[in-house]
Amino acid sequence: MNKKTSLLNAAWQACKQWFAGCFLVSLAAILVTATWCAERTVQGSSEERKAAERNLVSGPIQPIRITAQLDAAKVALGNKLFHDPILSKDNTVSCATCHLLGKGGADQRGRSLGIRRAEGAINAPTVFNSSLNFKQFWDGRAESLEDQVDGPALSLSEMGSTWEEIVKKLIDSPSYRVDFEKLYRDGVKPANVKNSIAEFERSLLTPNARFDKFLLGDDNAINAQEKSGYRKFRSFGCASCHQGINVGGNMFETLGAMADYFKDRGGLTQADLGRFNVTHKEDDRYVFKVPSLRNVELTAPYFHDGSMTTLGEAVQAMAKYQLGRPLSKGDVTDIVAFLKTLTGEYQGRKL
């Protein structure tokens, strides 16, 4: 091999080594860049997920925090009265007849039954978390829990009693007479009866729902489907009425804002007029207090008329009559899954 050929071979080997080195450097650079991009993508996705979680937590619903300082003796007396049919005319119906604490604070009937099995005009709402409502009854006619007691006690289709009869029966009971004299300076009086029952009802809070735990920082308290349901609950507009601590109960709304609910249902009743029965203002016709959605999976049937038997039906009806939009089966399933996370605890046990 001559000298020229040797030089050419050496140059060729050097070129190959140079190209190989460039290739390896380029490959390394590509791998480093790809790794950096992947890490940034993962980091970005993680940050986006965290931001989305923070957005959910900072939404329109607040968790229940028990802060009320209640008189334990008055709560106990109210509990006793709440479950005692002595308040009714014929001693057959108590507050708990229509508000069963073991059934979500309602009675799972479209319309409740009073004395002599008289049927009421409207669906009994849950008594749980009623102290968080801004007014009481579907039509908001009672400003306080104390005022609310008059409704069932004096209604002919519920307890059918009078305060004169109630006071006399309580005074004639040695146990009740002693209890009232211990707690109230003037003993058995209508105002004191109402106060003790209201004090008990203020104790009926249901904190520690899984959604409350999520709002308080436990990201794993609800699953992906339930989070999706809550996002849809907000984005579709449900949360414009169902918000706050009680997920409702803090405003009035017309039933049938986007479509004629009563025309479709038929059979209009006096109770269907809603707040109009209280104010006699035309703008209040078919207006009702927005119900709380806490523990809603336990309180079927739904609406003031008890016309919806399942949560899915209620969600679809609300979408049609209040939002003016159809929902897919998947949307309904996700929203119902979210609503079930609102079931709380009473006295440390899940309802």
Protein backbone atom coordinates (compact mmCIF):
# COMPACT_ATOMS: atom_id res chain seq x y z
CA MET A 1 0.00 0.00 0.00
CA ASN A 2 1.58 3.29 -1.03
CA LYS A 3 1.79 6.35 1.12
CA LYS A 4 -1.08 8.15 -0.67
CA THR A 5 -3.44 5.25 -0.10
CA SER A 6 -2.53 5.14 3.59
CA LEU A 7 -3.28 8.81 3.99
CA LEU A 8 -6.66 8.40 2.33
CA ASN A 9 -7.56 5.48 4.59
CA ALA A 10 -6.53 7.44 7.67
CA ALA A 11 -8.60 10.41 6.54
CA TRP A 12 -11.60 8.16 5.91
CA GLN A 13 -11.32 6.57 9.36
CA ALA A 14 -11.09 10.03 10.94
CA CYS A 15 -14.18 11.17 9.04
CA LYS A 16 -16.11 8.10 10.17
CA GLN A 17 -15.12 8.73 13.77
CA TRP A 18 -16.11 12.38 13.43
CA PHE A 19 -19.50 11.51 11.93
CA ALA A 20 -20.07 8.86 14.59
CA GLY A 21 -19.20 11.36 17.30
CA CYS A 22 -21.56 13.94 15.81
CA PHE A 23 -24.31 11.33 15.60
CA LEU A 24 -23.86 10.30 19.21
CA VAL A 25 -23.79 13.91 20.37
CA SER A 26 -26.92 14.67 18.33
CA LEU A 27 -28.66 11.57 19.64
CA ALA A 28 -27.77 12.51 23.19
CA ALA A 29 -29.08 16.00 22.62
CA ILE A 30 -32.30 14.64 21.18
CA LEU A 31 -32.76 12.29 24.14
CA VAL A 32 -32.04 15.05 26.65
CA THR A 33 -34.46 17.37 24.86
CA ALA A 34 -37.15 14.68 24.67
CA THR A 35 -36.69 13.86 28.37
CA TRP A 36 -36.90 17.55 29.30
CA CYS A 37 -40.03 17.97 27.19
CA ALA A 38 -41.61 14.89 28.72
CA GLU A 39 -40.82 16.09 32.21
CA ARG A 40 -42.27 19.50 31.42
CA THR A 41 -45.40 17.86 29.98
CA VAL A 42 -45.87 15.70 33.07
CA GLN A 43 -45.17 18.66 35.31
CA GLY A 44 -47.57 20.83 33.31
CA SER A 45 -50.27 18.18 33.41
CA SER A 46 -49.77 17.77 37.14
CA GLU A 47 -49.96 21.52 37.68
CA GLU A 48 -53.04 21.74 35.47
CA ARG A 49 -54.68 18.95 37.43
CA LYS A 50 -53.86 20.66 40.70
CA ALA A 51 -55.24 23.94 39.37
CA ALA A 52 -58.41 22.17 38.28
CA GLU A 53 -58.74 20.60 41.74
CA ARG A 54 -58.26 24.00 43.38
CA ASN A 55 -60.90 25.44 41.09
CA LEU A 56 -63.36 22.75 42.20
CA VAL A 57 -62.60 23.32 45.88
CA SER A 58 -62.97 27.09 45.58
CA GLY A 59 -66.39 26.77 43.94
CA PRO A 60 -69.85 27.85 45.10
CA ILE A 61 -70.39 25.13 47.74
CA GLN A 62 -69.01 25.35 51.27
CA PRO A 63 -68.59 22.50 53.77
CA ILE A 64 -70.66 22.21 56.93
CA ARG A 65 -68.71 23.17 60.01
CA ILE A 66 -70.50 22.68 63.33
CA THR A 67 -70.09 25.93 65.24
CA ALA A 68 -73.48 26.44 66.90
CA GLN A 69 -73.44 26.44 70.68
CA LEU A 70 -76.70 24.81 71.71
CA ASP A 71 -78.32 24.30 75.09
CA ALA A 72 -78.03 20.54 75.57
CA ALA A 73 -81.00 20.38 77.97
CA LYS A 74 -83.24 22.25 75.53
CA VAL A 75 -82.04 20.01 72.70
CA ALA A 76 -82.97 16.95 74.76
CA LEU A 77 -86.41 18.37 75.56
CA GLY A 78 -86.95 19.29 71.91
CA ASN A 79 -85.92 15.79 70.86
CA LYS A 80 -88.49 14.34 73.25
CA LEU A 81 -91.24 16.63 71.92
CA PHE A 82 -90.23 16.00 68.31
CA HIS A 83 -90.86 12.28 68.72
CA ASP A 84 -93.94 12.52 70.94
CA PRO A 85 -97.44 12.39 69.35
CA ILE A 86 -98.74 14.38 72.31
CA LEU A 87 -98.56 17.49 70.12
CA SER A 88 -101.30 16.16 67.83
CA LYS A 89 -105.00 16.42 68.56
CA ASP A 90 -105.58 12.70 68.84
CA ASN A 91 -102.07 11.73 70.05
CA THR A 92 -101.28 9.76 66.88
CA VAL A 93 -98.88 11.98 64.91
CA SER A 94 -95.52 13.43 65.92
CA CYS A 95 -93.01 15.59 64.07
CA ALA A 96 -91.02 12.41 63.46
CA THR A 97 -93.99 10.82 61.67
CA CYS A 98 -93.17 12.93 58.60
CA HIS A 99 -89.49 13.57 59.39
CA LEU A 100 -87.89 10.24 60.15
CA LEU A 101 -84.26 10.68 61.12
CA GLY A 102 -83.52 7.18 59.88
CA LYS A 103 -84.86 8.03 56.42
CA GLY A 104 -82.95 11.20 55.64
CA GLY A 105 -85.21 13.42 57.76
CA ALA A 106 -88.21 12.90 55.45
CA ASP A 107 -90.82 10.13 55.06
CA GLN A 108 -90.26 8.94 51.48
CA ARG A 109 -93.86 9.73 50.57
CA GLY A 110 -95.08 12.08 47.85
CA ARG A 111 -97.44 13.63 50.41
CA SER A 112 -97.38 12.97 54.13
CA LEU A 113 -100.24 11.59 56.20
CA GLY A 114 -101.56 13.43 59.27
CA ILE A 115 -104.20 12.64 61.85
CA ARG A 116 -106.98 10.35 60.66
CA ARG A 117 -104.64 9.59 57.73
CA ALA A 118 -105.42 12.91 56.12
CA GLU A 119 -103.14 13.51 53.14
CA GLY A 120 -101.12 16.71 53.09
CA ALA A 121 -100.93 19.06 50.13
CA ILE A 122 -97.17 19.01 49.59
CA ASN A 123 -94.06 16.86 49.91
CA ALA A 124 -92.41 16.98 53.35
CA PRO A 125 -88.85 18.36 53.04
CA THR A 126 -86.01 16.95 55.10
CA VAL A 127 -85.56 18.32 58.60
CA PHE A 128 -81.79 17.75 58.46
CA ASN A 129 -79.81 20.97 58.03
CA SER A 130 -83.06 22.97 58.10
CA SER A 131 -81.37 25.54 60.32
CA LEU A 132 -79.18 26.43 57.31
CA ASN A 133 -82.22 27.45 55.21
CA PHE A 134 -82.92 31.15 54.93
CA LYS A 135 -86.67 30.51 55.35
CA GLN A 136 -88.80 27.48 56.14
CA PHE A 137 -91.40 25.60 54.06
CA TRP A 138 -91.45 25.31 50.28
CA ASP A 139 -93.16 28.71 50.02
CA GLY A 140 -90.93 30.34 52.63
CA ARG A 141 -93.81 31.46 54.81
CA ALA A 142 -91.92 30.90 58.08
CA GLU A 143 -88.98 33.13 58.89
CA SER A 144 -87.51 30.85 61.57
CA LEU A 145 -87.58 27.31 62.90
CA GLU A 146 -89.69 28.56 65.80
CA ASP A 147 -92.26 30.01 63.40
CA GLN A 148 -92.24 26.78 61.43
CA VAL A 149 -93.60 24.74 64.36
CA ASP A 150 -96.99 26.45 64.03
CA GLY A 151 -97.48 24.97 60.56
CA PRO A 152 -97.74 21.24 61.30
CA ALA A 153 -99.05 21.68 64.85
CA LEU A 154 -102.08 23.69 63.78
CA SER A 155 -102.73 22.27 60.30
CA LEU A 156 -105.96 20.28 60.09
CA SER A 157 -104.34 17.79 57.73
CA GLU A 158 -101.27 17.29 59.92
CA MET A 159 -101.50 17.45 63.73
CA GLY A 160 -104.82 19.31 63.83
CA SER A 161 -104.22 20.74 67.29
CA THR A 162 -104.34 24.14 69.01
CA TRP A 163 -101.86 25.71 71.35
CA GLU A 164 -104.41 25.68 74.15
CA GLU A 165 -104.74 21.91 73.78
CA ILE A 166 -100.99 21.36 73.52
CA VAL A 167 -100.16 23.48 76.57
CA LYS A 168 -102.83 21.77 78.67
CA LYS A 169 -101.55 18.29 77.80
CA LEU A 170 -97.96 19.25 78.60
CA ILE A 171 -98.91 20.83 81.92
CA ASP A 172 -100.90 17.73 82.79
CA SER A 173 -97.76 15.66 82.21
CA PRO A 174 -95.61 15.77 85.40
CA SER A 175 -92.47 14.98 83.39
CA TYR A 176 -92.95 17.75 80.83
CA ARG A 177 -94.07 20.25 83.46
CA VAL A 178 -90.87 19.72 85.46
CA ASP A 179 -88.68 19.89 82.34
CA PHE A 180 -90.17 23.21 81.24
CA GLU A 181 -90.00 24.73 84.72
CA LYS A 182 -86.30 23.88 84.90
CA LEU A 183 -85.47 25.40 81.53
CA TYR A 184 -87.91 28.30 81.14
CA ARG A 185 -88.81 30.89 83.74
CA ASP A 186 -92.47 30.91 82.69
CA GLY A 187 -92.80 27.15 82.25
CA VAL A 188 -95.01 25.61 79.57
CA LYS A 189 -95.82 28.30 77.02
CA PRO A 190 -96.25 28.05 73.23
CA ALA A 191 -93.09 30.09 72.66
CA ASN A 192 -91.08 27.77 74.89
CA VAL A 193 -92.43 24.64 73.21
CA LYS A 194 -91.47 26.08 69.84
CA ASN A 195 -88.05 27.15 71.08
CA SER A 196 -87.15 23.72 72.44
CA ILE A 197 -88.21 21.96 69.24
CA ALA A 198 -86.28 24.52 67.16
CA GLU A 199 -83.21 24.05 69.36
CA PHE A 200 -83.34 20.32 68.67
CA GLU A 201 -83.74 20.93 64.95
CA ARG A 202 -80.66 23.17 65.02
CA SER A 203 -78.72 20.15 66.20
CA LEU A 204 -79.68 18.16 63.10
CA LEU A 205 -76.63 19.03 61.03
CA THR A 206 -74.98 16.42 58.82
CA PRO A 207 -71.30 17.28 58.35
CA ASN A 208 -68.50 15.07 56.99
CA ALA A 209 -70.10 14.23 53.66
CA ARG A 210 -67.46 12.92 51.29
CA PHE A 211 -67.81 16.13 49.30
CA ASP A 212 -67.19 18.16 52.46
CA LYS A 213 -64.00 16.19 53.02
CA PHE A 214 -62.96 16.94 49.45
CA LEU A 215 -63.61 20.65 49.98
CA LEU A 216 -61.52 20.50 53.15
CA GLY A 217 -58.49 19.13 51.32
CA ASP A 218 -58.91 15.37 50.85
CA ASP A 219 -58.48 14.99 47.08
CA ASN A 220 -59.27 11.28 47.28
CA ALA A 221 -62.58 11.68 49.11
CA ILE A 222 -64.46 11.60 45.79
CA ASN A 223 -63.55 9.71 42.65
CA ALA A 224 -62.99 10.85 39.07
CA GLN A 225 -66.60 10.31 37.98
CA GLU A 226 -67.92 12.25 40.96
CA LYS A 227 -65.55 15.13 40.20
CA SER A 228 -66.71 15.05 36.60
CA GLY A 229 -70.29 15.18 37.84
CA TYR A 230 -69.51 18.23 39.96
CA ARG A 231 -67.83 19.98 37.02
CA LYS A 232 -70.95 19.38 34.93
CA PHE A 233 -73.17 20.44 37.85
CA ARG A 234 -71.35 23.78 37.76
CA SER A 235 -70.84 24.25 34.04
CA PHE A 236 -74.45 23.38 33.13
CA GLY A 237 -75.78 25.94 35.62
CA CYS A 238 -77.16 23.75 38.45
CA ALA A 239 -74.93 25.53 40.95
CA SER A 240 -76.49 28.91 40.15
CA CYS A 241 -79.37 27.87 42.44
CA HIS A 242 -77.91 25.00 44.42
CA GLN A 243 -74.95 26.53 46.22
CA GLY A 244 -73.78 27.70 49.63
CA ILE A 245 -73.41 25.57 52.75
CA ASN A 246 -76.74 23.81 52.25
CA VAL A 247 -76.35 23.37 48.47
CA GLY A 248 -79.63 25.27 48.19
CA GLY A 249 -82.11 26.58 50.71
CA ASN A 250 -81.00 30.20 50.35
CA MET A 251 -83.11 31.60 47.53
CA PHE A 252 -86.43 31.35 45.67
CA GLU A 253 -86.83 30.25 42.06
CA THR A 254 -89.68 29.76 39.60
CA LEU A 255 -90.37 26.12 38.82
CA GLY A 256 -90.55 26.04 35.04
CA ALA A 257 -88.23 28.93 34.21
CA MET A 258 -87.41 27.50 30.76
CA ALA A 259 -90.46 25.33 30.03
CA ASP A 260 -93.99 25.00 31.40
CA TYR A 261 -93.67 22.34 34.08
CA PHE A 262 -97.26 22.59 35.28
CA LYS A 263 -98.76 22.45 31.81
CA ASP A 264 -96.81 19.28 31.10
CA ARG A 265 -97.67 17.71 34.44
CA GLY A 266 -101.31 18.83 34.58
CA GLY A 267 -103.64 18.76 37.59
CA LEU A 268 -102.78 22.17 39.06
CA THR A 269 -103.31 22.45 42.82
CA GLN A 270 -103.31 25.31 45.30
CA ALA A 271 -99.94 24.18 46.62
CA ASP A 272 -98.49 24.51 43.09
CA LEU A 273 -98.90 28.29 43.31
CA GLY A 274 -95.96 28.34 45.70
CA ARG A 275 -94.95 31.66 47.17
CA PHE A 276 -97.94 33.32 45.53
CA ASN A 277 -100.01 31.82 48.36
CA VAL A 278 -97.97 33.92 50.80
CA THR A 279 -97.47 37.24 48.98
CA HIS A 280 -100.34 37.20 46.44
CA LYS A 281 -97.93 38.80 43.97
CA GLU A 282 -98.17 37.59 40.40
CA ASP A 283 -94.38 37.43 40.13
CA ASP A 284 -94.41 34.81 42.90
CA ARG A 285 -96.72 32.39 41.10
CA TYR A 286 -95.02 28.95 40.87
CA VAL A 287 -92.09 30.26 42.91
CA PHE A 288 -90.57 27.95 45.54
CA LYS A 289 -87.63 27.88 47.89
CA VAL A 290 -84.77 26.06 46.21
CA PRO A 291 -84.39 22.84 48.23
CA SER A 292 -81.14 21.71 49.80
CA LEU A 293 -79.40 18.87 48.00
CA ARG A 294 -77.62 17.57 51.07
CA ASN A 295 -78.49 13.91 51.71
CA VAL A 296 -80.63 14.07 48.58
CA GLU A 297 -80.05 10.41 47.68
CA LEU A 298 -82.10 9.53 50.79
CA THR A 299 -85.07 11.87 50.35
CA ALA A 300 -86.99 10.58 47.33
CA PRO A 301 -89.52 11.33 45.94
CA TYR A 302 -88.47 14.78 44.74
CA PHE A 303 -89.95 18.23 44.09
CA HIS A 304 -92.70 19.92 46.08
CA ASP A 305 -95.25 17.57 44.53
CA GLY A 306 -93.22 14.38 44.99
CA SER A 307 -93.54 13.72 41.27
CA MET A 308 -89.99 12.47 40.62
CA THR A 309 -89.20 9.05 42.04
CA THR A 310 -85.47 8.85 41.27
CA LEU A 311 -82.53 11.23 41.30
CA GLY A 312 -81.95 10.62 37.61
CA GLU A 313 -85.50 11.68 36.77
CA ALA A 314 -85.15 14.77 38.94
CA VAL A 315 -81.88 15.78 37.26
CA GLN A 316 -83.37 15.35 33.78
CA ALA A 317 -86.47 17.36 34.73
CA MET A 318 -84.37 20.18 36.20
CA ALA A 319 -82.27 20.29 33.04
CA LYS A 320 -85.41 20.64 30.91
CA TYR A 321 -87.48 23.01 33.01
CA GLN A 322 -84.80 25.10 34.72
CA LEU A 323 -81.82 25.02 32.35
CA GLY A 324 -83.58 24.57 29.02
CA ARG A 325 -81.20 21.91 27.79
CA PRO A 326 -81.17 18.12 27.35
CA LEU A 327 -78.58 16.02 29.14
CA SER A 328 -76.99 12.83 27.87
CA LYS A 329 -77.30 9.63 29.83
CA GLY A 330 -73.64 9.98 30.79
CA ASP A 331 -74.17 13.53 32.03
CA VAL A 332 -77.06 12.43 34.24
CA THR A 333 -75.10 9.47 35.59
CA ASP A 334 -72.13 11.67 36.48
CA ILE A 335 -74.26 14.34 38.17
CA VAL A 336 -76.15 11.72 40.19
CA ALA A 337 -72.80 10.26 41.26
CA PHE A 338 -71.76 13.71 42.51
CA LEU A 339 -75.06 14.23 44.34
CA LYS A 340 -74.50 11.02 46.28
CA THR A 341 -71.29 12.48 47.73
CA LEU A 342 -73.45 15.01 49.63
CA THR A 343 -74.70 12.39 52.11
CA GLY A 344 -73.37 13.36 55.52
CA GLU A 345 -73.13 12.03 59.04
CA TYR A 346 -75.44 12.47 62.00
CA GLN A 347 -74.02 11.93 65.48
CA GLY A 348 -70.84 10.53 63.96
CA ARG A 349 -72.51 7.93 61.74
CA LYS A 350 -73.28 8.08 58.03
CA LEU A 351 -76.96 8.56 57.30
